[in-house]
Amino acid sequence: MNKLKVVGLTALAGTFAIGSAQAIEMTASGSAGFTYSSADSDKTQNDRFSFGDSITLSGGGDLDNGWNVTASYELDDGNSPFDDQTIAIDTGNGTFYIQTAADKGGHVRLVPNAYGSASYSLSNGVGTETGKHLADGVTGTTNLAYANGDIAGIDVVVAASPGAVGGTDTSIKLKKADFVDGLTVGLSWGDINPAQIDGGSTEITLSAKYAVGGVTIGVTDTSIDQDAASSSDVDAFHVGASFAVNDDVTVSVDRSTADNAKQAVDEEATSYQVSYSMGSMSIKAHLTKADNVGYSSTNTDENKAVAVSFSF
């Protein structure tokens, strides 16, 4: 009899467990694609083809107090097993995030780009400084953030990465859309590795973009103040423009310069991109060239790539 009771209770517990699992419905979305890339002829390259694929599981629900909680997990090749993980708690007065490998703590960057993010296209195999100094900010493995899309008409994001090397990275990002008709402006500040006596840095970025018709023009100016006396302060300037030929085709060009206080020459990178979309398929290509790589006047670099992706 006792054995029967145990079996019955076990089955009942299983029923409740199944019911709880069904209470939160997870949806799946994903993408698949491949990229062909090629660099300078003087570089040794392995397989020039690479796959880009991911599956994102997401779901959520409302709490009794009216808050909404959502969670998403991205399964991506080369990660074990997740790439991005995010839990978002929308309180109705802003949203709190805990996440990995996400960009809430990144600097505001408004330069348009047809291939991908501006920092990605500039650092995708080309240059050492121009792309890097457009992609700093809170970069710890796990980030905490609070975002409010309307504080006096301004988008505000405050982020921190506890346990980052040397201490807790922090950043504040402000963005104002339609500052005037068609103009968006942004300001961001970051205090990176503040617990280090030497080796930390303070970052300030100003960015703006102006859109009229199918044309968008953007600029980003970043200043990095290194704490260590042996390090060099860096100023990076990024400017670009994109043109939407129609609903499916966009072309863009952007140029970035990194000025190191202790170097005689500036590193410069120029990127040309194009994108074409057809339903769930997109084709993108870029050609990026860099001069004075590593602040050496004799060092040049080049990278080009074509990426095809499908969303489902």
Protein backbone atom coordinates (compact mmCIF):
# COMPACT_ATOMS: atom_id res chain seq x y z
CA MET A 1 0.00 0.00 0.00
CA ASN A 2 2.83 2.33 0.91
CA LYS A 3 4.46 1.57 -2.42
CA LEU A 4 1.22 2.44 -4.20
CA LYS A 5 1.06 5.73 -2.31
CA VAL A 6 4.62 6.53 -3.33
CA VAL A 7 3.85 5.75 -6.97
CA GLY A 8 0.66 7.82 -6.82
CA LEU A 9 2.37 10.81 -5.25
CA THR A 10 5.22 10.57 -7.75
CA ALA A 11 2.76 10.59 -10.65
CA LEU A 12 0.89 13.50 -9.11
CA ALA A 13 4.13 15.46 -8.69
CA GLY A 14 4.97 14.73 -12.31
CA THR A 15 1.58 16.07 -13.35
CA PHE A 16 2.16 19.32 -11.46
CA ALA A 17 5.65 19.63 -12.96
CA ILE A 18 4.26 19.20 -16.46
CA GLY A 19 1.57 21.76 -15.73
CA SER A 20 4.14 24.28 -14.51
CA ALA A 21 6.28 23.77 -17.59
CA GLN A 22 3.29 24.35 -19.84
CA ALA A 23 2.42 27.58 -18.00
CA ILE A 24 5.35 29.35 -19.70
CA GLU A 25 5.37 28.97 -23.44
CA MET A 26 8.80 29.26 -25.07
CA THR A 27 9.06 30.25 -28.69
CA ALA A 28 11.97 29.60 -31.00
CA SER A 29 13.38 31.82 -33.70
CA GLY A 30 16.62 31.51 -35.54
CA SER A 31 18.85 32.23 -38.47
CA ALA A 32 21.28 30.38 -40.65
CA GLY A 33 23.89 31.65 -43.03
CA PHE A 34 27.45 31.60 -44.24
CA THR A 35 30.20 34.14 -44.86
CA TYR A 36 33.05 34.17 -47.34
CA SER A 37 35.91 36.45 -46.30
CA SER A 38 39.27 37.24 -47.80
CA ALA A 39 42.17 39.32 -46.45
CA ASP A 40 45.41 40.67 -47.87
CA SER A 41 47.36 38.32 -50.12
CA ASP A 42 50.31 38.43 -47.71
CA LYS A 43 48.26 36.84 -44.93
CA THR A 44 47.96 33.13 -44.28
CA GLN A 45 44.30 32.16 -44.33
CA ASN A 46 42.64 28.92 -43.41
CA ASP A 47 39.04 28.16 -44.37
CA ARG A 48 37.59 31.32 -45.89
CA PHE A 49 34.04 30.08 -45.38
CA SER A 50 32.35 30.28 -41.99
CA PHE A 51 28.86 29.53 -40.77
CA GLY A 52 26.69 31.97 -38.87
CA ASP A 53 23.71 30.31 -37.25
CA SER A 54 21.77 30.63 -34.02
CA ILE A 55 18.52 29.62 -32.36
CA THR A 56 16.93 31.88 -29.76
CA LEU A 57 14.48 30.52 -27.21
CA SER A 58 12.32 33.18 -25.55
CA GLY A 59 9.32 33.38 -23.31
CA GLY A 60 7.81 35.32 -20.45
CA GLY A 61 4.75 36.35 -18.54
CA ASP A 62 3.15 38.89 -16.20
CA LEU A 63 3.56 38.97 -12.43
CA ASP A 64 0.75 39.74 -10.00
CA ASN A 65 2.07 43.28 -9.47
CA GLY A 66 1.83 44.05 -13.19
CA TRP A 67 5.50 43.60 -14.01
CA ASN A 68 6.45 41.62 -17.12
CA VAL A 69 9.36 39.19 -17.09
CA THR A 70 10.93 37.79 -20.24
CA ALA A 71 13.89 35.50 -20.77
CA SER A 72 15.82 34.62 -23.90
CA TYR A 73 18.65 32.19 -24.57
CA GLU A 74 20.63 32.06 -27.78
CA LEU A 75 22.15 28.76 -28.86
CA ASP A 76 25.11 29.53 -31.06
CA ASP A 77 27.90 27.49 -32.61
CA GLY A 78 31.19 27.69 -30.73
CA ASN A 79 29.64 28.56 -27.36
CA SER A 80 28.89 26.22 -24.47
CA PRO A 81 26.03 26.13 -24.90
CA PHE A 82 24.69 29.71 -24.91
CA ASP A 83 25.89 32.86 -26.61
CA ASP A 84 23.55 35.56 -25.29
CA GLN A 85 21.42 35.09 -22.18
CA THR A 86 19.02 37.79 -21.01
CA ILE A 87 16.44 38.19 -18.28
CA ALA A 88 14.42 41.41 -18.57
CA ILE A 89 12.03 42.74 -15.91
CA ASP A 90 9.75 45.48 -17.22
CA THR A 91 8.35 47.43 -14.28
CA GLY A 92 6.36 49.92 -16.34
CA ASN A 93 8.87 52.57 -15.24
CA GLY A 94 11.90 51.17 -16.96
CA THR A 95 13.36 47.71 -17.52
CA PHE A 96 16.03 45.91 -15.52
CA TYR A 97 18.35 43.50 -17.33
CA ILE A 98 20.80 40.81 -16.34
CA GLN A 99 22.56 39.47 -19.38
CA THR A 100 25.69 38.02 -20.90
CA ALA A 101 27.45 39.10 -24.08
CA ALA A 102 24.95 41.88 -24.71
CA ASP A 103 25.47 45.52 -25.62
CA LYS A 104 23.43 47.48 -23.07
CA GLY A 105 26.67 48.80 -21.61
CA GLY A 106 28.23 49.72 -24.95
CA HIS A 107 28.74 53.28 -26.08
CA VAL A 108 26.17 55.13 -28.13
CA ARG A 109 27.19 54.87 -31.80
CA LEU A 110 24.95 56.37 -34.46
CA VAL A 111 27.05 56.05 -37.62
CA PRO A 112 24.93 54.15 -40.19
CA ASN A 113 26.22 50.93 -41.68
CA ALA A 114 24.87 48.54 -44.31
CA TYR A 115 26.92 45.45 -43.39
CA GLY A 116 26.51 45.38 -39.62
CA SER A 117 27.42 47.47 -36.60
CA ALA A 118 29.99 50.13 -37.34
CA SER A 119 32.48 48.76 -34.85
CA TYR A 120 32.11 45.24 -36.28
CA SER A 121 32.83 46.19 -39.87
CA LEU A 122 35.88 48.20 -38.86
CA SER A 123 37.38 45.51 -36.63
CA ASN A 124 36.44 42.51 -38.74
CA GLY A 125 39.99 41.50 -39.51
CA VAL A 126 41.21 45.01 -40.26
CA GLY A 127 43.15 47.37 -38.05
CA THR A 128 43.86 47.23 -34.34
CA GLU A 129 42.73 50.57 -32.94
CA THR A 130 39.92 51.99 -35.06
CA GLY A 131 37.49 49.16 -34.43
CA LYS A 132 38.59 48.47 -30.86
CA HIS A 133 38.06 51.99 -29.63
CA LEU A 134 34.55 52.09 -31.04
CA ALA A 135 33.58 48.95 -29.13
CA ASP A 136 34.58 49.56 -25.52
CA GLY A 137 32.29 50.26 -22.57
CA VAL A 138 31.03 47.73 -20.03
CA THR A 139 32.44 44.48 -21.40
CA GLY A 140 32.27 42.03 -18.50
CA THR A 141 30.86 38.55 -18.98
CA THR A 142 27.69 39.34 -17.01
CA ASN A 143 26.16 42.80 -17.16
CA LEU A 144 23.46 44.47 -15.11
CA ALA A 145 21.51 47.32 -16.68
CA TYR A 146 18.53 49.60 -16.23
CA ALA A 147 16.92 51.16 -19.30
CA ASN A 148 14.17 53.76 -19.47
CA GLY A 149 13.08 54.92 -22.88
CA ASP A 150 11.44 58.12 -21.75
CA ILE A 151 12.98 60.23 -19.00
CA ALA A 152 12.12 63.80 -20.07
CA GLY A 153 12.10 62.48 -23.63
CA ILE A 154 15.56 60.91 -23.34
CA ASP A 155 16.53 57.23 -23.61
CA VAL A 156 18.65 56.40 -20.56
CA VAL A 157 20.70 53.24 -19.94
CA VAL A 158 22.81 52.66 -16.82
CA ALA A 159 24.97 49.52 -16.84
CA ALA A 160 27.50 47.79 -14.62
CA SER A 161 29.63 44.67 -14.84
CA PRO A 162 30.46 43.46 -11.31
CA GLY A 163 33.58 41.38 -11.03
CA ALA A 164 35.23 42.75 -14.14
CA VAL A 165 39.03 42.59 -14.09
CA GLY A 166 40.20 45.04 -11.46
CA GLY A 167 36.74 46.09 -10.28
CA THR A 168 33.26 46.98 -11.48
CA ASP A 169 32.87 48.58 -14.89
CA THR A 170 30.10 51.19 -15.10
CA SER A 171 28.57 53.19 -17.93
CA ILE A 172 25.79 55.69 -18.60
CA LYS A 173 24.25 56.15 -22.05
CA LEU A 174 21.85 58.94 -23.09
CA LYS A 175 20.10 59.27 -26.45
CA LYS A 176 17.59 61.80 -27.71
CA ALA A 177 15.68 61.05 -30.93
CA ASP A 178 14.21 63.91 -32.97
CA PHE A 179 16.29 66.48 -31.13
CA VAL A 180 15.24 68.46 -34.14
CA ASP A 181 13.40 66.95 -37.09
CA GLY A 182 15.52 64.05 -38.36
CA LEU A 183 18.37 64.56 -35.86
CA THR A 184 19.30 62.04 -33.13
CA VAL A 185 22.05 62.82 -30.60
CA GLY A 186 23.75 60.68 -27.98
CA LEU A 187 26.23 60.88 -25.12
CA SER A 188 27.86 58.03 -23.18
CA TRP A 189 30.40 57.75 -20.37
CA GLY A 190 32.26 54.74 -19.04
CA ASP A 191 34.53 54.09 -16.04
CA ILE A 192 36.44 50.91 -16.87
CA ASN A 193 38.37 48.86 -14.29
CA PRO A 194 38.15 51.64 -11.65
CA ALA A 195 39.69 49.48 -8.88
CA GLN A 196 43.01 49.34 -10.68
CA ILE A 197 45.54 51.94 -9.57
CA ASP A 198 47.01 51.73 -13.07
CA GLY A 199 45.44 50.37 -16.22
CA GLY A 200 41.89 51.68 -15.95
CA SER A 201 40.34 54.22 -18.27
CA THR A 202 37.59 56.82 -18.57
CA GLU A 203 35.68 56.91 -21.85
CA ILE A 204 33.41 59.62 -23.26
CA THR A 205 31.56 59.30 -26.56
CA LEU A 206 29.51 61.89 -28.44
CA SER A 207 27.47 60.75 -31.43
CA ALA A 208 24.82 62.10 -33.77
CA LYS A 209 22.99 61.15 -36.94
CA TYR A 210 20.76 63.07 -39.31
CA ALA A 211 18.29 61.37 -41.63
CA VAL A 212 16.49 62.97 -44.55
CA GLY A 213 14.77 60.94 -47.24
CA GLY A 214 16.84 57.82 -47.85
CA VAL A 215 20.11 59.42 -46.70
CA THR A 216 21.52 59.10 -43.18
CA ILE A 217 24.75 60.80 -42.05
CA GLY A 218 26.38 60.05 -38.72
CA VAL A 219 29.43 60.95 -36.63
CA THR A 220 30.94 59.49 -33.45
CA ASP A 221 33.74 61.08 -31.42
CA THR A 222 35.32 58.98 -28.63
CA SER A 223 37.88 60.09 -26.05
CA ILE A 224 39.70 57.49 -23.93
CA ASP A 225 41.71 58.74 -20.95
CA GLN A 226 44.07 56.03 -19.71
CA ASP A 227 44.92 56.04 -15.99
CA ALA A 228 48.34 54.40 -16.25
CA ALA A 229 51.19 56.82 -16.84
CA SER A 230 52.75 54.34 -19.25
CA SER A 231 49.59 54.18 -21.38
CA SER A 232 48.48 56.58 -24.08
CA ASP A 233 45.25 58.51 -24.38
CA VAL A 234 43.34 57.82 -27.58
CA ASP A 235 40.86 59.92 -29.56
CA ALA A 236 38.80 58.09 -32.18
CA PHE A 237 36.62 59.82 -34.77
CA HIS A 238 34.14 57.96 -36.95
CA VAL A 239 32.01 59.42 -39.76
CA GLY A 240 29.78 57.70 -42.31
CA ALA A 241 26.76 57.90 -44.56
CA SER A 242 24.22 55.43 -45.90
CA PHE A 243 21.70 55.63 -48.72
CA ALA A 244 18.58 53.48 -48.98
CA VAL A 245 18.29 52.98 -52.73
CA ASN A 246 14.90 51.34 -52.17
CA ASP A 247 13.20 49.15 -49.57
CA ASP A 248 15.63 46.29 -50.30
CA VAL A 249 19.02 47.84 -51.15
CA THR A 250 21.23 50.02 -48.93
CA VAL A 251 24.77 51.22 -49.56
CA SER A 252 27.09 52.93 -47.09
CA VAL A 253 30.61 54.21 -46.57
CA ASP A 254 32.35 55.11 -43.32
CA ARG A 255 35.80 56.21 -42.19
CA SER A 256 37.42 56.00 -38.77
CA THR A 257 40.59 57.56 -37.37
CA ALA A 258 42.39 56.65 -34.13
CA ASP A 259 44.79 59.27 -32.73
CA ASN A 260 47.21 57.88 -30.14
CA ALA A 261 48.94 60.61 -28.10
CA LYS A 262 52.27 58.76 -28.18
CA GLN A 263 52.30 57.84 -31.87
CA ALA A 264 53.46 59.91 -34.83
CA VAL A 265 50.77 58.73 -37.25
CA ASP A 266 47.04 58.04 -36.94
CA GLU A 267 45.51 54.71 -37.81
CA GLU A 268 42.79 55.07 -40.44
CA ALA A 269 40.17 52.68 -41.79
CA THR A 270 37.64 53.08 -44.59
CA SER A 271 34.77 50.66 -45.17
CA TYR A 272 32.36 50.31 -48.11
CA GLN A 273 29.23 48.21 -47.65
CA VAL A 274 26.08 47.11 -49.43
CA SER A 275 23.08 45.09 -48.28
CA TYR A 276 20.17 43.49 -50.14
CA SER A 277 17.13 41.87 -48.56
CA MET A 278 14.51 39.65 -50.13
CA GLY A 279 11.95 38.44 -47.64
CA SER A 280 13.73 36.34 -45.02
CA MET A 281 17.01 36.31 -46.97
CA SER A 282 19.68 38.99 -46.84
CA ILE A 283 22.96 39.39 -48.69
CA LYS A 284 25.61 41.79 -47.38
CA ALA A 285 29.13 42.63 -48.47
CA HIS A 286 31.90 44.93 -47.30
CA LEU A 287 35.37 46.00 -48.38
CA THR A 288 37.42 47.54 -45.58
CA LYS A 289 40.91 48.99 -45.86
CA ALA A 290 43.20 50.33 -43.13
CA ASP A 291 46.35 52.46 -43.25
CA ASN A 292 49.01 52.91 -40.58
CA VAL A 293 47.83 49.76 -38.79
CA GLY A 294 49.24 49.65 -35.26
CA TYR A 295 50.40 53.24 -35.89
CA SER A 296 53.05 52.03 -38.33
CA SER A 297 53.25 54.14 -41.49
CA THR A 298 54.33 51.11 -43.55
CA ASN A 299 51.58 48.75 -42.41
CA THR A 300 48.35 48.43 -44.39
CA ASP A 301 45.51 45.96 -44.12
CA GLU A 302 42.46 44.88 -46.12
CA ASN A 303 39.48 42.62 -45.60
CA LYS A 304 36.44 41.85 -47.71
CA ALA A 305 33.49 39.59 -47.06
CA VAL A 306 30.13 38.47 -48.43
CA ALA A 307 27.52 37.16 -45.99
CA VAL A 308 24.27 35.37 -46.83
CA SER A 309 21.72 34.74 -44.08
CA PHE A 310 18.21 33.37 -43.71
CA SER A 311 15.85 34.05 -40.81
CA PHE A 312 13.13 31.64 -39.76
